[in-house]
PDB file of N, CA and C in Angstrom:
ATOM      1  N   MET A   1     157.965 109.726 127.393  1.00  0.00           N
ATOM      2  CA  MET A   1     157.879 111.103 127.844  1.00  0.00           C
ATOM      3  C   MET A   1     158.307 111.168 129.297  1.00  0.00           C
ATOM      4  N   SER A   2     159.252 111.987 129.580  1.00  0.00           N
ATOM      5  CA  SER A   2     159.750 112.160 130.942  1.00  0.00           C
ATOM      6  C   SER A   2     158.891 113.175 131.679  1.00  0.00           C
ATOM      7  N   SER A   3     158.756 113.004 132.989  1.00  0.00           N
ATOM      8  CA  SER A   3     157.922 113.924 133.768  1.00  0.00           C
ATOM      9  C   SER A   3     158.545 115.316 133.827  1.00  0.00           C
ATOM     10  N   LYS A   4     159.827 115.442 133.493  1.00  0.00           N
ATOM     11  CA  LYS A   4     160.466 116.752 133.543  1.00  0.00           C
ATOM     12  C   LYS A   4     160.272 117.546 132.257  1.00  0.00           C
ATOM     13  N   ASP A   5     159.670 116.958 131.218  1.00  0.00           N
ATOM     14  CA  ASP A   5     159.438 117.679 129.972  1.00  0.00           C
ATOM     15  C   ASP A   5     158.427 118.800 130.194  1.00  0.00           C
ATOM     16  N   SER A   6     158.721 119.954 129.606  1.00  0.00           N
ATOM     17  CA  SER A   6     157.836 121.098 129.781  1.00  0.00           C
ATOM     18  C   SER A   6     157.792 121.919 128.500  1.00  0.00           C
ATOM     19  N   MET A   7     156.689 122.614 128.323  1.00  0.00           N
ATOM     20  CA  MET A   7     156.455 123.392 127.108  1.00  0.00           C
ATOM     21  C   MET A   7     156.071 124.811 127.482  1.00  0.00           C
ATOM     22  N   LEU A   8     156.648 125.774 126.776  1.00  0.00           N
ATOM     23  CA  LEU A   8     156.289 127.176 126.931  1.00  0.00           C
ATOM     24  C   LEU A   8     155.609 127.615 125.638  1.00  0.00           C
ATOM     25  N   ILE A   9     154.389 128.121 125.766  1.00  0.00           N
ATOM     26  CA  ILE A   9     153.636 128.645 124.623  1.00  0.00           C
ATOM     27  C   ILE A   9     153.588 130.156 124.786  1.00  0.00           C
ATOM     28  N   VAL A  10     154.145 130.884 123.808  1.00  0.00           N
ATOM     29  CA  VAL A  10     154.180 132.345 123.874  1.00  0.00           C
ATOM     30  C   VAL A  10     153.376 132.899 122.702  1.00  0.00           C
ATOM     31  N   ASP A  11     152.270 133.548 123.021  1.00  0.00           N
ATOM     32  CA  ASP A  11     151.417 134.134 121.989  1.00  0.00           C
ATOM     33  C   ASP A  11     150.524 135.163 122.663  1.00  0.00           C
ATOM     34  N   ASP A  12     150.343 136.316 122.035  1.00  0.00           N
ATOM     35  CA  ASP A  12     149.480 137.335 122.630  1.00  0.00           C
ATOM     36  C   ASP A  12     147.997 136.996 122.452  1.00  0.00           C
ATOM     37  N   SER A  13     147.696 136.020 121.615  1.00  0.00           N
ATOM     38  CA  SER A  13     146.309 135.578 121.421  1.00  0.00           C
ATOM     39  C   SER A  13     145.987 134.428 122.378  1.00  0.00           C
ATOM     40  N   LYS A  14     145.039 134.684 123.271  1.00  0.00           N
ATOM     41  CA  LYS A  14     144.632 133.637 124.209  1.00  0.00           C
ATOM     42  C   LYS A  14     144.071 132.431 123.454  1.00  0.00           C
ATOM     43  N   LEU A  15     143.336 132.688 122.385  1.00  0.00           N
ATOM     44  CA  LEU A  15     142.763 131.601 121.589  1.00  0.00           C
ATOM     45  C   LEU A  15     143.869 130.729 120.999  1.00  0.00           C
ATOM     46  N   ALA A  16     144.903 131.351 120.434  1.00  0.00           N
ATOM     47  CA  ALA A  16     146.015 130.579 119.866  1.00  0.00           C
ATOM     48  C   ALA A  16     146.693 129.740 120.946  1.00  0.00           C
ATOM     49  N   ARG A  17     146.907 130.327 122.135  1.00  0.00           N
ATOM     50  CA  ARG A  17     147.519 129.569 123.226  1.00  0.00           C
ATOM     51  C   ARG A  17     146.645 128.378 123.613  1.00  0.00           C
ATOM     52  N   MET A  18     145.343 128.582 123.666  1.00  0.00           N
ATOM     53  CA  MET A  18     144.418 127.495 124.026  1.00  0.00           C
ATOM     54  C   MET A  18     144.452 126.375 122.978  1.00  0.00           C
ATOM     55  N   ILE A  19     144.503 126.741 121.714  1.00  0.00           N
ATOM     56  CA  ILE A  19     144.525 125.748 120.635  1.00  0.00           C
ATOM     57  C   ILE A  19     145.809 124.926 120.713  1.00  0.00           C
ATOM     58  N   ILE A  20     146.943 125.599 120.839  1.00  0.00           N
ATOM     59  CA  ILE A  20     148.226 124.887 120.909  1.00  0.00           C
ATOM     60  C   ILE A  20     148.260 124.002 122.150  1.00  0.00           C
ATOM     61  N   ARG A  21     147.817 124.541 123.285  1.00  0.00           N
ATOM     62  CA  ARG A  21     147.785 123.756 124.528  1.00  0.00           C
ATOM     63  C   ARG A  21     146.910 122.512 124.352  1.00  0.00           C
ATOM     64  N   GLY A  22     145.772 122.676 123.734  1.00  0.00           N
ATOM     65  CA  GLY A  22     144.859 121.549 123.541  1.00  0.00           C
ATOM     66  C   GLY A  22     145.491 120.435 122.713  1.00  0.00           C
ATOM     67  N   PHE A  23     146.110 120.802 121.595  1.00  0.00           N
ATOM     68  CA  PHE A  23     146.756 119.796 120.745  1.00  0.00           C
ATOM     69  C   PHE A  23     147.929 119.139 121.470  1.00  0.00           C
ATOM     70  N   ALA A  24     148.731 119.954 122.177  1.00  0.00           N
ATOM     71  CA  ALA A  24     149.907 119.419 122.876  1.00  0.00           C
ATOM     72  C   ALA A  24     149.486 118.504 124.017  1.00  0.00           C
ATOM     73  N   SER A  25     148.479 118.921 124.817  1.00  0.00           N
ATOM     74  CA  SER A  25     148.097 118.070 125.949  1.00  0.00           C
ATOM     75  C   SER A  25     147.435 116.781 125.515  1.00  0.00           C
ATOM     76  N   GLU A  26     146.759 116.823 124.391  1.00  0.00           N
ATOM     77  CA  GLU A  26     146.146 115.595 123.885  1.00  0.00           C
ATOM     78  C   GLU A  26     147.229 114.620 123.411  1.00  0.00           C
ATOM     79  N   SER A  27     148.241 115.156 122.762  1.00  0.00           N
ATOM     80  CA  SER A  27     149.315 114.323 122.224  1.00  0.00           C
ATOM     81  C   SER A  27     150.307 113.883 123.307  1.00  0.00           C
ATOM     82  N   LEU A  28     150.606 114.773 124.235  1.00  0.00           N
ATOM     83  CA  LEU A  28     151.603 114.513 125.282  1.00  0.00           C
ATOM     84  C   LEU A  28     151.018 114.881 126.647  1.00  0.00           C
ATOM     85  N   PRO A  29     150.137 114.048 127.171  1.00  0.00           N
ATOM     86  CA  PRO A  29     149.410 114.401 128.398  1.00  0.00           C
ATOM     87  C   PRO A  29     150.289 114.590 129.631  1.00  0.00           C
ATOM     88  N   ASP A  30     151.502 114.061 129.649  1.00  0.00           N
ATOM     89  CA  ASP A  30     152.367 114.203 130.821  1.00  0.00           C
ATOM     90  C   ASP A  30     153.236 115.453 130.784  1.00  0.00           C
ATOM     91  N   MET A  31     153.170 116.205 129.690  1.00  0.00           N
ATOM     92  CA  MET A  31     154.010 117.393 129.574  1.00  0.00           C
ATOM     93  C   MET A  31     153.419 118.550 130.369  1.00  0.00           C
ATOM     94  N   GLU A  32     154.256 119.226 131.144  1.00  0.00           N
ATOM     95  CA  GLU A  32     153.847 120.449 131.835  1.00  0.00           C
ATOM     96  C   GLU A  32     153.794 121.557 130.792  1.00  0.00           C
ATOM     97  N   ILE A  33     152.695 122.307 130.757  1.00  0.00           N
ATOM     98  CA  ILE A  33     152.538 123.369 129.763  1.00  0.00           C
ATOM     99  C   ILE A  33     152.316 124.694 130.481  1.00  0.00           C
ATOM    100  N   VAL A  34     153.130 125.690 130.104  1.00  0.00           N
ATOM    101  CA  VAL A  34     153.061 127.025 130.681  1.00  0.00           C
ATOM    102  C   VAL A  34     152.829 127.996 129.535  1.00  0.00           C
ATOM    103  N   GLU A  35     152.041 129.041 129.799  1.00  0.00           N
ATOM    104  CA  GLU A  35     151.721 130.023 128.767  1.00  0.00           C
ATOM    105  C   GLU A  35     152.218 131.406 129.154  1.00  0.00           C
ATOM    106  N   ALA A  36     152.580 132.186 128.139  1.00  0.00           N
ATOM    107  CA  ALA A  36     152.949 133.587 128.314  1.00  0.00           C
ATOM    108  C   ALA A  36     152.259 134.396 127.217  1.00  0.00           C
ATOM    109  N   ALA A  37     151.753 135.572 127.578  1.00  0.00           N
ATOM    110  CA  ALA A  37     151.011 136.401 126.636  1.00  0.00           C
ATOM    111  C   ALA A  37     151.893 137.376 125.863  1.00  0.00           C
ATOM    112  N   ASN A  38     153.166 137.513 126.276  1.00  0.00           N
ATOM    113  CA  ASN A  38     154.077 138.413 125.568  1.00  0.00           C
ATOM    114  C   ASN A  38     155.521 138.036 125.884  1.00  0.00           C
ATOM    115  N   GLY A  39     156.444 138.705 125.227  1.00  0.00           N
ATOM    116  CA  GLY A  39     157.848 138.388 125.389  1.00  0.00           C
ATOM    117  C   GLY A  39     158.380 138.614 126.790  1.00  0.00           C
ATOM    118  N   GLU A  40     157.993 139.738 127.394  1.00  0.00           N
ATOM    119  CA  GLU A  40     158.474 140.026 128.738  1.00  0.00           C
ATOM    120  C   GLU A  40     158.021 138.945 129.723  1.00  0.00           C
ATOM    121  N   GLU A  41     156.766 138.552 129.617  1.00  0.00           N
ATOM    122  CA  GLU A  41     156.232 137.500 130.490  1.00  0.00           C
ATOM    123  C   GLU A  41     156.972 136.176 130.248  1.00  0.00           C
ATOM    124  N   ALA A  42     157.260 135.884 128.988  1.00  0.00           N
ATOM    125  CA  ALA A  42     157.983 134.647 128.655  1.00  0.00           C
ATOM    126  C   ALA A  42     159.368 134.638 129.280  1.00  0.00           C
ATOM    127  N   LEU A  43     160.066 135.771 129.198  1.00  0.00           N
ATOM    128  CA  LEU A  43     161.405 135.853 129.785  1.00  0.00           C
ATOM    129  C   LEU A  43     161.349 135.720 131.304  1.00  0.00           C
ATOM    130  N   GLU A  44     160.345 136.335 131.906  1.00  0.00           N
ATOM    131  CA  GLU A  44     160.182 136.239 133.363  1.00  0.00           C
ATOM    132  C   GLU A  44     159.895 134.798 133.787  1.00  0.00           C
ATOM    133  N   ILE A  45     158.984 134.140 133.079  1.00  0.00           N
ATOM    134  CA  ILE A  45     158.615 132.759 133.392  1.00  0.00           C
ATOM    135  C   ILE A  45     159.804 131.819 133.195  1.00  0.00           C
ATOM    136  N   SER A  46     160.579 132.068 132.154  1.00  0.00           N
ATOM    137  CA  SER A  46     161.671 131.149 131.824  1.00  0.00           C
ATOM    138  C   SER A  46     162.939 131.402 132.639  1.00  0.00           C
ATOM    139  N   ASN A  47     162.978 132.477 133.401  1.00  0.00           N
ATOM    140  CA  ASN A  47     164.156 132.792 134.202  1.00  0.00           C
ATOM    141  C   ASN A  47     164.429 131.660 135.200  1.00  0.00           C
ATOM    142  N   GLY A  48     165.519 130.953 134.993  1.00  0.00           N
ATOM    143  CA  GLY A  48     165.888 129.855 135.885  1.00  0.00           C
ATOM    144  C   GLY A  48     165.189 128.540 135.589  1.00  0.00           C
ATOM    145  N   LYS A  49     164.362 128.502 134.528  1.00  0.00           N
ATOM    146  CA  LYS A  49     163.650 127.266 134.175  1.00  0.00           C
ATOM    147  C   LYS A  49     164.065 126.835 132.776  1.00  0.00           C
ATOM    148  N   GLN A  50     164.314 125.568 132.607  1.00  0.00           N
ATOM    149  CA  GLN A  50     164.671 125.012 131.308  1.00  0.00           C
ATOM    150  C   GLN A  50     163.433 124.351 130.695  1.00  0.00           C
ATOM    151  N   PHE A  51     162.943 124.895 129.601  1.00  0.00           N
ATOM    152  CA  PHE A  51     161.829 124.278 128.880  1.00  0.00           C
ATOM    153  C   PHE A  51     162.397 123.360 127.811  1.00  0.00           C
ATOM    154  N   THR A  52     161.708 122.252 127.550  1.00  0.00           N
ATOM    155  CA  THR A  52     162.166 121.333 126.516  1.00  0.00           C
ATOM    156  C   THR A  52     161.541 121.651 125.158  1.00  0.00           C
ATOM    157  N   VAL A  53     160.378 122.310 125.169  1.00  0.00           N
ATOM    158  CA  VAL A  53     159.668 122.654 123.941  1.00  0.00           C
ATOM    159  C   VAL A  53     159.112 124.069 124.090  1.00  0.00           C
ATOM    160  N   MET A  54     159.181 124.852 122.998  1.00  0.00           N
ATOM    161  CA  MET A  54     158.612 126.207 123.014  1.00  0.00           C
ATOM    162  C   MET A  54     157.986 126.524 121.664  1.00  0.00           C
ATOM    163  N   THR A  55     156.849 127.186 121.709  1.00  0.00           N
ATOM    164  CA  THR A  55     156.272 127.775 120.504  1.00  0.00           C
ATOM    165  C   THR A  55     156.193 129.275 120.752  1.00  0.00           C
ATOM    166  N   ILE A  56     156.603 130.047 119.750  1.00  0.00           N
ATOM    167  CA  ILE A  56     156.685 131.497 119.904  1.00  0.00           C
ATOM    168  C   ILE A  56     156.017 132.159 118.714  1.00  0.00           C
ATOM    169  N   ASP A  57     155.046 133.009 119.001  1.00  0.00           N
ATOM    170  CA  ASP A  57     154.383 133.784 117.954  1.00  0.00           C
ATOM    171  C   ASP A  57     155.350 134.854 117.451  1.00  0.00           C
ATOM    172  N   TYR A  58     155.307 135.140 116.171  1.00  0.00           N
ATOM    173  CA  TYR A  58     156.215 136.129 115.585  1.00  0.00           C
ATOM    174  C   TYR A  58     155.824 137.559 115.937  1.00  0.00           C
ATOM    175  N   ASN A  59     154.542 137.896 115.787  1.00  0.00           N
ATOM    176  CA  ASN A  59     154.078 139.263 116.025  1.00  0.00           C
ATOM    177  C   ASN A  59     153.409 139.376 117.382  1.00  0.00           C
ATOM    178  N   MET A  60     154.109 140.026 118.319  1.00  0.00           N
ATOM    179  CA  MET A  60     153.579 140.234 119.667  1.00  0.00           C
ATOM    180  C   MET A  60     154.014 141.599 120.161  1.00  0.00           C
ATOM    181  N   PRO A  61     153.312 142.122 121.154  1.00  0.00           N
ATOM    182  CA  PRO A  61     153.759 143.388 121.747  1.00  0.00           C
ATOM    183  C   PRO A  61     155.036 143.167 122.562  1.00  0.00           C
ATOM    184  N   GLY A  62     155.867 144.204 122.641  1.00  0.00           N
ATOM    185  CA  GLY A  62     157.081 144.145 123.462  1.00  0.00           C
ATOM    186  C   GLY A  62     158.247 143.521 122.739  1.00  0.00           C
ATOM    187  N   ILE A  63     159.431 143.683 123.292  1.00  0.00           N
ATOM    188  CA  ILE A  63     160.679 143.185 122.718  1.00  0.00           C
ATOM    189  C   ILE A  63     160.676 143.424 121.206  1.00  0.00           C
ATOM    190  N   ASN A  64     160.466 144.669 120.825  1.00  0.00           N
ATOM    191  CA  ASN A  64     160.416 145.075 119.422  1.00  0.00           C
ATOM    192  C   ASN A  64     159.327 144.354 118.638  1.00  0.00           C
ATOM    193  N   GLY A  65     158.468 143.614 119.339  1.00  0.00           N
ATOM    194  CA  GLY A  65     157.359 142.951 118.670  1.00  0.00           C
ATOM    195  C   GLY A  65     157.747 141.758 117.831  1.00  0.00           C
ATOM    196  N   LEU A  66     159.015 141.374 117.841  1.00  0.00           N
ATOM    197  CA  LEU A  66     159.445 140.300 116.959  1.00  0.00           C
ATOM    198  C   LEU A  66     159.764 139.029 117.730  1.00  0.00           C
ATOM    199  N   GLY A  67     159.071 137.967 117.371  1.00  0.00           N
ATOM    200  CA  GLY A  67     159.294 136.683 118.003  1.00  0.00           C
ATOM    201  C   GLY A  67     160.688 136.130 117.789  1.00  0.00           C
ATOM    202  N   LEU A  68     161.369 136.533 116.716  1.00  0.00           N
ATOM    203  CA  LEU A  68     162.719 136.032 116.468  1.00  0.00           C
ATOM    204  C   LEU A  68     163.689 136.508 117.543  1.00  0.00           C
ATOM    205  N   GLU A  69     163.546 137.755 117.969  1.00  0.00           N
ATOM    206  CA  GLU A  69     164.402 138.275 119.035  1.00  0.00           C
ATOM    207  C   GLU A  69     164.143 137.510 120.333  1.00  0.00           C
ATOM    208  N   LEU A  70     162.885 137.289 120.640  1.00  0.00           N
ATOM    209  CA  LEU A  70     162.524 136.509 121.830  1.00  0.00           C
ATOM    210  C   LEU A  70     163.031 135.075 121.694  1.00  0.00           C
ATOM    211  N   ALA A  71     162.855 134.487 120.523  1.00  0.00           N
ATOM    212  CA  ALA A  71     163.316 133.112 120.296  1.00  0.00           C
ATOM    213  C   ALA A  71     164.808 132.990 120.572  1.00  0.00           C
ATOM    214  N   GLN A  72     165.584 133.982 120.135  1.00  0.00           N
ATOM    215  CA  GLN A  72     167.025 133.925 120.362  1.00  0.00           C
ATOM    216  C   GLN A  72     167.346 134.005 121.853  1.00  0.00           C
ATOM    217  N   LYS A  73     166.655 134.886 122.563  1.00  0.00           N
ATOM    218  CA  LYS A  73     166.888 135.014 124.012  1.00  0.00           C
ATOM    219  C   LYS A  73     166.516 133.722 124.738  1.00  0.00           C
ATOM    220  N   LEU A  74     165.389 133.125 124.359  1.00  0.00           N
ATOM    221  CA  LEU A  74     164.960 131.883 125.007  1.00  0.00           C
ATOM    222  C   LEU A  74     165.878 130.728 124.613  1.00  0.00           C
ATOM    223  N   LYS A  75     166.349 130.734 123.381  1.00  0.00           N
ATOM    224  CA  LYS A  75     167.277 129.686 122.926  1.00  0.00           C
ATOM    225  C   LYS A  75     168.599 129.793 123.684  1.00  0.00           C
ATOM    226  N   ASP A  76     169.051 131.013 123.918  1.00  0.00           N
ATOM    227  CA  ASP A  76     170.279 131.212 124.691  1.00  0.00           C
ATOM    228  C   ASP A  76     170.104 130.681 126.112  1.00  0.00           C
ATOM    229  N   ALA A  77     168.914 130.885 126.682  1.00  0.00           N
ATOM    230  CA  ALA A  77     168.647 130.441 128.057  1.00  0.00           C
ATOM    231  C   ALA A  77     168.401 128.934 128.139  1.00  0.00           C
ATOM    232  N   SER A  78     167.825 128.349 127.103  1.00  0.00           N
ATOM    233  CA  SER A  78     167.530 126.904 127.055  1.00  0.00           C
ATOM    234  C   SER A  78     168.063 126.355 125.740  1.00  0.00           C
ATOM    235  N   PRO A  79     169.396 126.183 125.622  1.00  0.00           N
ATOM    236  CA  PRO A  79     169.988 125.807 124.335  1.00  0.00           C
ATOM    237  C   PRO A  79     169.530 124.466 123.770  1.00  0.00           C
ATOM    238  N   ASN A  80     169.029 123.582 124.598  1.00  0.00           N
ATOM    239  CA  ASN A  80     168.579 122.273 124.112  1.00  0.00           C
ATOM    240  C   ASN A  80     167.082 122.230 123.812  1.00  0.00           C
ATOM    241  N   ALA A  81     166.409 123.349 123.969  1.00  0.00           N
ATOM    242  CA  ALA A  81     164.959 123.383 123.738  1.00  0.00           C
ATOM    243  C   ALA A  81     164.640 123.216 122.256  1.00  0.00           C
ATOM    244  N   HIS A  82     163.528 122.565 121.994  1.00  0.00           N
ATOM    245  CA  HIS A  82     162.984 122.382 120.651  1.00  0.00           C
ATOM    246  C   HIS A  82     162.021 123.556 120.445  1.00  0.00           C
ATOM    247  N   ILE A  83     162.374 124.494 119.572  1.00  0.00           N
ATOM    248  CA  ILE A  83     161.636 125.756 119.442  1.00  0.00           C
ATOM    249  C   ILE A  83     161.040 125.889 118.052  1.00  0.00           C
ATOM    250  N   SER A  84     159.833 126.459 117.997  1.00  0.00           N
ATOM    251  CA  SER A  84     159.214 126.769 116.713  1.00  0.00           C
ATOM    252  C   SER A  84     158.638 128.177 116.736  1.00  0.00           C
ATOM    253  N   LEU A  85     158.882 128.906 115.665  1.00  0.00           N
ATOM    254  CA  LEU A  85     158.262 130.202 115.453  1.00  0.00           C
ATOM    255  C   LEU A  85     156.951 129.940 114.716  1.00  0.00           C
ATOM    256  N   ILE A  86     155.880 130.551 115.194  1.00  0.00           N
ATOM    257  CA  ILE A  86     154.568 130.385 114.569  1.00  0.00           C
ATOM    258  C   ILE A  86     154.140 131.747 114.035  1.00  0.00           C
ATOM    259  N   THR A  87     153.820 131.816 112.732  1.00  0.00           N
ATOM    260  CA  THR A  87     153.477 133.110 112.160  1.00  0.00           C
ATOM    261  C   THR A  87     152.659 132.989 110.878  1.00  0.00           C
ATOM    262  N   ALA A  88     151.895 134.019 110.623  1.00  0.00           N
ATOM    263  CA  ALA A  88     151.195 134.138 109.345  1.00  0.00           C
ATOM    264  C   ALA A  88     152.101 134.818 108.320  1.00  0.00           C
ATOM    265  N   ASN A  89     153.202 135.396 108.796  1.00  0.00           N
ATOM    266  CA  ASN A  89     154.155 136.087 107.937  1.00  0.00           C
ATOM    267  C   ASN A  89     155.114 135.047 107.365  1.00  0.00           C
ATOM    268  N   ILE A  90     154.892 134.666 106.114  1.00  0.00           N
ATOM    269  CA  ILE A  90     155.669 133.564 105.541  1.00  0.00           C
ATOM    270  C   ILE A  90     156.772 134.046 104.595  1.00  0.00           C
ATOM    271  N   GLN A  91     157.284 135.256 104.844  1.00  0.00           N
ATOM    272  CA  GLN A  91     158.369 135.780 104.016  1.00  0.00           C
ATOM    273  C   GLN A  91     159.570 134.832 104.052  1.00  0.00           C
ATOM    274  N   VAL A  92     160.212 134.689 102.932  1.00  0.00           N
ATOM    275  CA  VAL A  92     161.381 133.823 102.822  1.00  0.00           C
ATOM    276  C   VAL A  92     162.465 134.267 103.804  1.00  0.00           C
ATOM    277  N   SER A  93     162.604 135.580 104.013  1.00  0.00           N
ATOM    278  CA  SER A  93     163.645 136.076 104.921  1.00  0.00           C
ATOM    279  C   SER A  93     163.417 135.583 106.358  1.00  0.00           C
ATOM    280  N   ILE A  94     162.177 135.492 106.773  1.00  0.00           N
ATOM    281  CA  ILE A  94     161.868 134.996 108.117  1.00  0.00           C
ATOM    282  C   ILE A  94     162.131 133.501 108.188  1.00  0.00           C
ATOM    283  N   GLN A  95     161.722 132.776 107.162  1.00  0.00           N
ATOM    284  CA  GLN A  95     161.980 131.334 107.136  1.00  0.00           C
ATOM    285  C   GLN A  95     163.483 131.051 107.136  1.00  0.00           C
ATOM    286  N   LYS A  96     164.237 131.851 106.376  1.00  0.00           N
ATOM    287  CA  LYS A  96     165.693 131.667 106.324  1.00  0.00           C
ATOM    288  C   LYS A  96     166.302 131.926 107.701  1.00  0.00           C
ATOM    289  N   ARG A  97     165.825 132.953 108.373  1.00  0.00           N
ATOM    290  CA  ARG A  97     166.356 133.285 109.706  1.00  0.00           C
ATOM    291  C   ARG A  97     166.074 132.152 110.694  1.00  0.00           C
ATOM    292  N   THR A  98     164.890 131.549 110.629  1.00  0.00           N
ATOM    293  CA  THR A  98     164.606 130.423 111.534  1.00  0.00           C
ATOM    294  C   THR A  98     165.540 129.258 111.238  1.00  0.00           C
ATOM    295  N   GLU A  99     165.841 129.023 109.960  1.00  0.00           N
ATOM    296  CA  GLU A  99     166.789 127.956 109.600  1.00  0.00           C
ATOM    297  C   GLU A  99     168.165 128.248 110.175  1.00  0.00           C
ATOM    298  N   GLU A 100     168.609 129.504 110.055  1.00  0.00           N
ATOM    299  CA  GLU A 100     169.915 129.893 110.591  1.00  0.00           C
ATOM    300  C   GLU A 100     169.968 129.708 112.113  1.00  0.00           C
ATOM    301  N   MET A 101     168.847 129.976 112.777  1.00  0.00           N
ATOM    302  CA  MET A 101     168.777 129.849 114.239  1.00  0.00           C
ATOM    303  C   MET A 101     168.560 128.398 114.667  1.00  0.00           C
ATOM    304  N   LYS A 102     168.323 127.528 113.692  1.00  0.00           N
ATOM    305  CA  LYS A 102     168.032 126.113 113.955  1.00  0.00           C
ATOM    306  C   LYS A 102     166.772 125.940 114.824  1.00  0.00           C
ATOM    307  N   ILE A 103     165.738 126.710 114.419  1.00  0.00           N
ATOM    308  CA  ILE A 103     164.431 126.534 115.043  1.00  0.00           C
ATOM    309  C   ILE A 103     163.423 126.233 113.940  1.00  0.00           C
ATOM    310  N   ASN A 104     162.312 125.634 114.319  1.00  0.00           N
ATOM    311  CA  ASN A 104     161.272 125.275 113.349  1.00  0.00           C
ATOM    312  C   ASN A 104     160.454 126.499 112.962  1.00  0.00           C
ATOM    313  N   PHE A 105     159.747 126.357 111.854  1.00  0.00           N
ATOM    314  CA  PHE A 105     158.864 127.405 111.335  1.00  0.00           C
ATOM    315  C   PHE A 105     157.512 126.768 111.080  1.00  0.00           C
ATOM    316  N   ILE A 106     156.471 127.288 111.742  1.00  0.00           N
ATOM    317  CA  ILE A 106     155.107 126.791 111.515  1.00  0.00           C
ATOM    318  C   ILE A 106     154.274 127.945 110.968  1.00  0.00           C
ATOM    319  N   PRO A 107     153.826 127.835 109.713  1.00  0.00           N
ATOM    320  CA  PRO A 107     152.960 128.889 109.168  1.00  0.00           C
ATOM    321  C   PRO A 107     151.538 128.765 109.712  1.00  0.00           C
ATOM    322  N   LYS A 108     150.929 129.922 109.997  1.00  0.00           N
ATOM    323  CA  LYS A 108     149.525 129.923 110.404  1.00  0.00           C
ATOM    324  C   LYS A 108     148.684 129.714 109.163  1.00  0.00           C
ATOM    325  N   PRO A 109     147.491 129.179 109.258  1.00  0.00           N
ATOM    326  CA  PRO A 109     146.783 128.901 110.504  1.00  0.00           C
ATOM    327  C   PRO A 109     147.313 127.647 111.210  1.00  0.00           C
ATOM    328  N   ILE A 110     147.215 127.693 112.524  1.00  0.00           N
ATOM    329  CA  ILE A 110     147.637 126.566 113.349  1.00  0.00           C
ATOM    330  C   ILE A 110     146.608 125.454 113.194  1.00  0.00           C
ATOM    331  N   ASN A 111     147.097 124.227 113.092  1.00  0.00           N
ATOM    332  CA  ASN A 111     146.178 123.096 113.120  1.00  0.00           C
ATOM    333  C   ASN A 111     146.849 121.950 113.869  1.00  0.00           C
ATOM    334  N   GLU A 112     146.075 120.929 114.154  1.00  0.00           N
ATOM    335  CA  GLU A 112     146.572 119.814 114.951  1.00  0.00           C
ATOM    336  C   GLU A 112     147.771 119.133 114.292  1.00  0.00           C
ATOM    337  N   GLU A 113     147.702 118.920 112.994  1.00  0.00           N
ATOM    338  CA  GLU A 113     148.780 118.229 112.291  1.00  0.00           C
ATOM    339  C   GLU A 113     150.108 118.977 112.429  1.00  0.00           C
ATOM    340  N   LYS A 114     150.088 120.299 112.264  1.00  0.00           N
ATOM    341  CA  LYS A 114     151.321 121.088 112.359  1.00  0.00           C
ATOM    342  C   LYS A 114     151.923 121.017 113.761  1.00  0.00           C
ATOM    343  N   ILE A 115     151.080 121.124 114.785  1.00  0.00           N
ATOM    344  CA  ILE A 115     151.576 121.095 116.167  1.00  0.00           C
ATOM    345  C   ILE A 115     152.097 119.696 116.515  1.00  0.00           C
ATOM    346  N   ILE A 116     151.353 118.666 116.151  1.00  0.00           N
ATOM    347  CA  ILE A 116     151.771 117.291 116.455  1.00  0.00           C
ATOM    348  C   ILE A 116     153.070 116.953 115.710  1.00  0.00           C
ATOM    349  N   ASN A 117     153.171 117.359 114.441  1.00  0.00           N
ATOM    350  CA  ASN A 117     154.412 117.116 113.683  1.00  0.00           C
ATOM    351  C   ASN A 117     155.600 117.807 114.349  1.00  0.00           C
ATOM    352  N   PHE A 118     155.400 119.040 114.814  1.00  0.00           N
ATOM    353  CA  PHE A 118     156.461 119.755 115.513  1.00  0.00           C
ATOM    354  C   PHE A 118     156.862 119.013 116.788  1.00  0.00           C
ATOM    355  N   LEU A 119     155.893 118.616 117.581  1.00  0.00           N
ATOM    356  CA  LEU A 119     156.193 117.911 118.835  1.00  0.00           C
ATOM    357  C   LEU A 119     156.886 116.582 118.578  1.00  0.00           C
ATOM    358  N   ASN A 120     156.477 115.894 117.535  1.00  0.00           N
ATOM    359  CA  ASN A 120     157.065 114.594 117.214  1.00  0.00           C
ATOM    360  C   ASN A 120     158.428 114.705 116.540  1.00  0.00           C
ATOM    361  N   SER A 121     158.800 115.892 116.096  1.00  0.00           N
ATOM    362  CA  SER A 121     160.087 116.052 115.404  1.00  0.00           C
ATOM    363  C   SER A 121     161.246 116.296 116.360  1.00  0.00           C
ATOM    364  N   ARG A 122     160.953 116.281 117.650  1.00  0.00           N
ATOM    365  CA  ARG A 122     162.034 116.494 118.634  1.00  0.00           C
ATOM    366  C   ARG A 122     163.039 115.367 118.540  1.00  0.00           C
ATOM    367  N   GLY A 123     164.314 115.750 118.656  1.00  0.00           N
ATOM    368  CA  GLY A 123     165.393 114.777 118.517  1.00  0.00           C
ATOM    369  C   GLY A 123     165.675 113.953 119.691  1.00  0.00           C
TER     370      GLY A 123
END
């Protein structure tokens, strides 16, 4: 793990952010972890910063409320980032869109195994 590795967690639920942060910091203690409560905050935080890992909630306030739109903007800004959409909405159309965008899909509920598998799947 390089000291420059960093993670952006975007979720309007403080509890979800805390859970993801807890699993990530336990697995990768040297990773810098930053949180955003909505899409606008995520874009502001990521302006000029390259994150290596990102988790993005699908349903959030702002930016049309869709994590896929935010994911695309963040992917454009950090093209090498390892990104996952996290959602309880498991429609095939959403899963297909994440595949097309070449980002991961994590169905809720969030658990340690899902987060660790995502972090370990980085290329």
